[in-house]
Amino acid sequence: MAISEPGMAEYAFLGGLYRDPYFPDRVVDRGRAVLVRLCERIEAERPADLAGLYALTHAATEEFNALEAEFEAAGSEIETVAREEIAEDFWAIAMAYGFAGADVEELIAPREW
């Protein structure tokens, strides 16, 4: 399934991480895939409220938690720059799908990074 929301279909997920050689593209690609899947799930499931959105974003956050080991194995980590970039993309997704009341910290509440 392709993303149908125009703003997200053209969005440069994790753009700052791709521009920084500290973050290996092959691992960033996996993070980008998490965010694309999140958009696809939002479009497919159409959460009716913030609780529904948070359930989806928490699942995606857990996927990022699992990526931490891959970043470390590649000599990198999900550190301050990466945390901010990931959080910003979660927030952009929430805004694009009409969840203006979303709290960025709640979007990524189960994070371990």
N, C-alpha and C. Protein backbone atom coordinates (compact mmCIF):
# COMPACT_ATOMS: atom_id res chain seq x y z
N MET A 1 0.85 -1.18 0.00
CA MET A 1 0.00 0.00 0.00
C MET A 1 0.90 1.25 0.00
N ALA A 2 0.59 2.17 -0.84
CA ALA A 2 1.34 3.42 -0.89
C ALA A 2 0.63 4.47 -0.03
N ILE A 3 1.38 5.41 0.47
CA ILE A 3 0.81 6.50 1.26
C ILE A 3 -0.01 7.39 0.33
N SER A 4 -1.26 7.68 0.71
CA SER A 4 -2.11 8.53 -0.12
C SER A 4 -2.14 9.98 0.35
N GLU A 5 -1.82 10.24 1.60
CA GLU A 5 -1.79 11.62 2.11
C GLU A 5 -0.67 12.37 1.39
N PRO A 6 -1.01 13.39 0.58
CA PRO A 6 0.02 14.07 -0.23
C PRO A 6 1.20 14.59 0.58
N GLY A 7 0.96 15.19 1.71
CA GLY A 7 2.05 15.72 2.51
C GLY A 7 3.00 14.65 2.99
N MET A 8 2.49 13.49 3.27
CA MET A 8 3.33 12.39 3.75
C MET A 8 3.94 11.61 2.60
N ALA A 9 3.25 11.52 1.48
CA ALA A 9 3.79 10.80 0.32
C ALA A 9 5.07 11.47 -0.17
N GLU A 10 5.16 12.78 0.00
CA GLU A 10 6.33 13.54 -0.46
C GLU A 10 7.29 13.89 0.68
N TYR A 11 6.96 13.49 1.89
CA TYR A 11 7.74 13.88 3.07
C TYR A 11 9.10 13.17 3.09
N ALA A 12 10.13 13.89 3.45
CA ALA A 12 11.49 13.33 3.53
C ALA A 12 11.72 12.79 4.94
N PHE A 13 11.20 11.61 5.22
CA PHE A 13 11.36 11.00 6.53
C PHE A 13 12.84 10.87 6.90
N LEU A 14 13.17 11.27 8.12
CA LEU A 14 14.51 11.16 8.68
C LEU A 14 15.57 11.84 7.82
N GLY A 15 15.17 12.90 7.15
CA GLY A 15 16.07 13.61 6.24
C GLY A 15 17.38 14.04 6.89
N GLY A 16 17.31 14.52 8.12
CA GLY A 16 18.52 14.95 8.81
C GLY A 16 19.48 13.82 9.08
N LEU A 17 18.94 12.63 9.30
CA LEU A 17 19.81 11.47 9.56
C LEU A 17 20.51 11.03 8.28
N TYR A 18 19.81 11.12 7.16
CA TYR A 18 20.44 10.77 5.89
C TYR A 18 21.58 11.73 5.55
N ARG A 19 21.45 13.00 5.97
CA ARG A 19 22.48 13.99 5.66
C ARG A 19 23.69 13.89 6.57
N ASP A 20 23.59 13.14 7.65
CA ASP A 20 24.68 13.04 8.62
C ASP A 20 25.36 11.67 8.48
N PRO A 21 26.64 11.64 8.12
CA PRO A 21 27.32 10.36 7.90
C PRO A 21 27.44 9.50 9.17
N TYR A 22 27.18 10.07 10.34
CA TYR A 22 27.22 9.29 11.58
C TYR A 22 26.14 8.20 11.57
N PHE A 23 25.07 8.44 10.84
CA PHE A 23 23.95 7.50 10.81
C PHE A 23 24.01 6.71 9.50
N PRO A 24 24.24 5.40 9.57
CA PRO A 24 24.35 4.60 8.35
C PRO A 24 23.02 4.51 7.60
N ASP A 25 23.06 4.82 6.32
CA ASP A 25 21.84 4.84 5.50
C ASP A 25 21.06 3.54 5.59
N ARG A 26 21.75 2.41 5.61
CA ARG A 26 21.02 1.13 5.61
C ARG A 26 20.18 0.97 6.87
N VAL A 27 20.61 1.54 7.99
CA VAL A 27 19.82 1.47 9.22
C VAL A 27 18.74 2.55 9.20
N VAL A 28 19.10 3.73 8.72
CA VAL A 28 18.11 4.81 8.60
C VAL A 28 16.98 4.37 7.67
N ASP A 29 17.32 3.63 6.61
CA ASP A 29 16.29 3.09 5.71
C ASP A 29 15.27 2.27 6.47
N ARG A 30 15.73 1.51 7.43
CA ARG A 30 14.81 0.67 8.23
C ARG A 30 13.91 1.56 9.08
N GLY A 31 14.47 2.64 9.62
CA GLY A 31 13.65 3.59 10.38
C GLY A 31 12.63 4.29 9.50
N ARG A 32 13.06 4.66 8.32
CA ARG A 32 12.13 5.29 7.37
C ARG A 32 10.98 4.33 7.06
N ALA A 33 11.29 3.07 6.89
CA ALA A 33 10.26 2.07 6.61
C ALA A 33 9.25 1.98 7.75
N VAL A 34 9.72 2.12 8.99
CA VAL A 34 8.80 2.13 10.14
C VAL A 34 7.82 3.28 10.01
N LEU A 35 8.30 4.45 9.65
CA LEU A 35 7.44 5.62 9.54
C LEU A 35 6.48 5.51 8.36
N VAL A 36 6.93 4.95 7.27
CA VAL A 36 6.05 4.73 6.12
C VAL A 36 4.94 3.75 6.51
N ARG A 37 5.31 2.67 7.19
CA ARG A 37 4.29 1.70 7.64
C ARG A 37 3.31 2.34 8.60
N LEU A 38 3.80 3.24 9.45
CA LEU A 38 2.90 3.95 10.37
C LEU A 38 1.87 4.74 9.58
N CYS A 39 2.30 5.47 8.58
CA CYS A 39 1.36 6.22 7.74
C CYS A 39 0.35 5.27 7.08
N GLU A 40 0.84 4.18 6.54
CA GLU A 40 -0.05 3.21 5.89
C GLU A 40 -1.07 2.65 6.87
N ARG A 41 -0.64 2.37 8.09
CA ARG A 41 -1.57 1.85 9.10
C ARG A 41 -2.60 2.89 9.49
N ILE A 42 -2.17 4.15 9.62
CA ILE A 42 -3.13 5.21 9.95
C ILE A 42 -4.17 5.32 8.83
N GLU A 43 -3.73 5.27 7.60
CA GLU A 43 -4.67 5.36 6.48
C GLU A 43 -5.59 4.15 6.40
N ALA A 44 -5.09 2.98 6.72
CA ALA A 44 -5.90 1.76 6.65
C ALA A 44 -6.87 1.66 7.82
N GLU A 45 -6.40 1.99 9.02
CA GLU A 45 -7.20 1.79 10.22
C GLU A 45 -8.02 3.01 10.62
N ARG A 46 -7.64 4.18 10.14
CA ARG A 46 -8.35 5.42 10.43
C ARG A 46 -8.71 5.57 11.91
N PRO A 47 -7.72 5.72 12.77
CA PRO A 47 -8.03 5.86 14.20
C PRO A 47 -8.97 7.05 14.42
N ALA A 48 -9.95 6.84 15.28
CA ALA A 48 -10.99 7.84 15.50
C ALA A 48 -10.60 8.90 16.51
N ASP A 49 -9.59 8.60 17.31
CA ASP A 49 -9.22 9.53 18.37
C ASP A 49 -7.73 9.38 18.69
N LEU A 50 -7.29 10.21 19.63
CA LEU A 50 -5.87 10.17 20.01
C LEU A 50 -5.47 8.83 20.59
N ALA A 51 -6.36 8.19 21.33
CA ALA A 51 -6.02 6.88 21.90
C ALA A 51 -5.70 5.88 20.78
N GLY A 52 -6.49 5.92 19.73
CA GLY A 52 -6.24 5.03 18.60
C GLY A 52 -4.94 5.36 17.89
N LEU A 53 -4.69 6.66 17.73
CA LEU A 53 -3.42 7.08 17.12
C LEU A 53 -2.25 6.64 17.97
N TYR A 54 -2.34 6.87 19.29
CA TYR A 54 -1.23 6.52 20.17
C TYR A 54 -0.95 5.01 20.14
N ALA A 55 -1.96 4.20 20.00
CA ALA A 55 -1.72 2.75 19.90
C ALA A 55 -0.84 2.45 18.69
N LEU A 56 -1.10 3.13 17.58
CA LEU A 56 -0.30 2.90 16.37
C LEU A 56 1.10 3.48 16.52
N THR A 57 1.22 4.69 17.08
CA THR A 57 2.54 5.29 17.21
C THR A 57 3.39 4.55 18.24
N HIS A 58 2.76 4.00 19.26
CA HIS A 58 3.52 3.23 20.25
C HIS A 58 4.09 1.97 19.62
N ALA A 59 3.32 1.31 18.77
CA ALA A 59 3.82 0.12 18.08
C ALA A 59 5.02 0.49 17.20
N ALA A 60 4.94 1.63 16.52
CA ALA A 60 6.04 2.08 15.67
C ALA A 60 7.26 2.45 16.53
N THR A 61 7.02 3.04 17.68
CA THR A 61 8.12 3.39 18.59
C THR A 61 8.84 2.14 19.06
N GLU A 62 8.10 1.08 19.32
CA GLU A 62 8.71 -0.19 19.71
C GLU A 62 9.61 -0.72 18.60
N GLU A 63 9.21 -0.49 17.35
CA GLU A 63 10.06 -0.90 16.23
C GLU A 63 11.37 -0.10 16.24
N PHE A 64 11.29 1.18 16.55
CA PHE A 64 12.53 1.98 16.67
C PHE A 64 13.38 1.48 17.84
N ASN A 65 12.74 1.08 18.92
CA ASN A 65 13.50 0.53 20.05
C ASN A 65 14.33 -0.66 19.58
N ALA A 66 13.74 -1.50 18.76
CA ALA A 66 14.45 -2.68 18.26
C ALA A 66 15.59 -2.30 17.32
N LEU A 67 15.50 -1.15 16.67
CA LEU A 67 16.56 -0.71 15.76
C LEU A 67 17.80 -0.20 16.49
N GLU A 68 17.68 0.13 17.75
CA GLU A 68 18.82 0.67 18.49
C GLU A 68 20.04 -0.24 18.39
N ALA A 69 19.84 -1.54 18.51
CA ALA A 69 20.96 -2.48 18.42
C ALA A 69 21.62 -2.43 17.04
N GLU A 70 20.82 -2.22 16.00
CA GLU A 70 21.39 -2.13 14.66
C GLU A 70 22.22 -0.86 14.49
N PHE A 71 21.74 0.23 15.06
CA PHE A 71 22.53 1.46 15.03
C PHE A 71 23.85 1.23 15.74
N GLU A 72 23.80 0.63 16.92
CA GLU A 72 25.02 0.40 17.69
C GLU A 72 25.98 -0.53 16.96
N ALA A 73 25.47 -1.57 16.33
CA ALA A 73 26.31 -2.51 15.59
C ALA A 73 27.01 -1.81 14.42
N ALA A 74 26.39 -0.75 13.92
CA ALA A 74 26.97 0.01 12.80
C ALA A 74 27.83 1.18 13.28
N GLY A 75 28.10 1.23 14.59
CA GLY A 75 28.94 2.30 15.13
C GLY A 75 28.21 3.61 15.35
N SER A 76 26.93 3.55 15.49
CA SER A 76 26.10 4.74 15.67
C SER A 76 25.18 4.50 16.86
N GLU A 77 24.26 5.40 17.09
CA GLU A 77 23.25 5.20 18.13
C GLU A 77 22.12 6.19 17.91
N ILE A 78 20.99 5.91 18.53
CA ILE A 78 19.89 6.86 18.52
C ILE A 78 20.17 7.82 19.67
N GLU A 79 20.85 8.92 19.34
CA GLU A 79 21.24 9.91 20.33
C GLU A 79 20.43 11.18 20.11
N THR A 80 20.84 12.28 20.69
CA THR A 80 20.03 13.49 20.71
C THR A 80 19.53 13.92 19.33
N VAL A 81 20.41 14.00 18.36
CA VAL A 81 20.00 14.42 17.02
C VAL A 81 18.96 13.46 16.45
N ALA A 82 19.22 12.18 16.57
CA ALA A 82 18.29 11.18 16.05
C ALA A 82 16.96 11.21 16.80
N ARG A 83 17.02 11.33 18.12
CA ARG A 83 15.78 11.39 18.91
C ARG A 83 14.90 12.55 18.44
N GLU A 84 15.51 13.71 18.25
CA GLU A 84 14.75 14.88 17.82
C GLU A 84 14.17 14.68 16.42
N GLU A 85 14.96 14.13 15.53
CA GLU A 85 14.50 13.90 14.15
C GLU A 85 13.34 12.90 14.13
N ILE A 86 13.47 11.82 14.86
CA ILE A 86 12.41 10.81 14.90
C ILE A 86 11.15 11.41 15.51
N ALA A 87 11.27 12.11 16.63
CA ALA A 87 10.11 12.72 17.29
C ALA A 87 9.43 13.72 16.36
N GLU A 88 10.23 14.51 15.65
CA GLU A 88 9.68 15.49 14.72
C GLU A 88 8.87 14.81 13.62
N ASP A 89 9.34 13.69 13.13
CA ASP A 89 8.62 12.98 12.09
C ASP A 89 7.33 12.36 12.63
N PHE A 90 7.35 11.84 13.84
CA PHE A 90 6.11 11.33 14.44
C PHE A 90 5.09 12.47 14.56
N TRP A 91 5.55 13.64 15.00
CA TRP A 91 4.66 14.78 15.16
C TRP A 91 4.11 15.22 13.80
N ALA A 92 4.97 15.27 12.77
CA ALA A 92 4.52 15.65 11.43
C ALA A 92 3.45 14.69 10.92
N ILE A 93 3.62 13.43 11.20
CA ILE A 93 2.62 12.43 10.80
C ILE A 93 1.30 12.71 11.50
N ALA A 94 1.34 12.93 12.80
CA ALA A 94 0.11 13.21 13.55
C ALA A 94 -0.60 14.44 12.98
N MET A 95 0.15 15.49 12.69
CA MET A 95 -0.44 16.72 12.15
C MET A 95 -1.05 16.46 10.77
N ALA A 96 -0.34 15.73 9.93
CA ALA A 96 -0.81 15.48 8.56
C ALA A 96 -2.13 14.72 8.55
N TYR A 97 -2.33 13.88 9.56
CA TYR A 97 -3.56 13.09 9.60
C TYR A 97 -4.63 13.69 10.51
N GLY A 98 -4.44 14.97 10.85
CA GLY A 98 -5.50 15.69 11.54
C GLY A 98 -5.53 15.57 13.05
N PHE A 99 -4.45 15.13 13.65
CA PHE A 99 -4.41 14.98 15.11
C PHE A 99 -3.62 16.13 15.74
N ALA A 100 -4.16 17.35 15.56
CA ALA A 100 -3.48 18.54 16.05
C ALA A 100 -3.31 18.55 17.56
N GLY A 101 -4.13 17.82 18.28
CA GLY A 101 -4.02 17.78 19.74
C GLY A 101 -3.03 16.75 20.25
N ALA A 102 -2.33 16.08 19.36
CA ALA A 102 -1.39 15.04 19.78
C ALA A 102 -0.22 15.63 20.56
N ASP A 103 0.21 14.93 21.57
CA ASP A 103 1.37 15.31 22.38
C ASP A 103 2.56 14.51 21.87
N VAL A 104 3.62 15.20 21.48
CA VAL A 104 4.77 14.52 20.88
C VAL A 104 5.37 13.50 21.84
N GLU A 105 5.42 13.82 23.13
CA GLU A 105 5.98 12.87 24.09
C GLU A 105 5.11 11.63 24.23
N GLU A 106 3.81 11.80 24.11
CA GLU A 106 2.92 10.64 24.18
C GLU A 106 2.99 9.82 22.90
N LEU A 107 3.23 10.47 21.77
CA LEU A 107 3.35 9.73 20.51
C LEU A 107 4.45 8.68 20.60
N ILE A 108 5.53 9.01 21.31
CA ILE A 108 6.70 8.12 21.38
C ILE A 108 6.94 7.65 22.82
N ALA A 109 5.90 7.58 23.60
CA ALA A 109 6.03 7.28 25.04
C ALA A 109 6.83 6.02 25.36
N PRO A 110 6.70 4.92 24.63
CA PRO A 110 7.46 3.73 25.01
C PRO A 110 8.92 3.72 24.55
N ARG A 111 9.43 4.86 24.10
CA ARG A 111 10.80 4.88 23.59
C ARG A 111 11.81 4.50 24.65
N GLU A 112 12.87 3.88 24.18
CA GLU A 112 13.99 3.49 25.04
C GLU A 112 15.27 4.20 24.59
N TRP A 113 15.12 5.23 23.80
CA TRP A 113 16.24 5.96 23.24
C TRP A 113 16.16 7.41 23.63
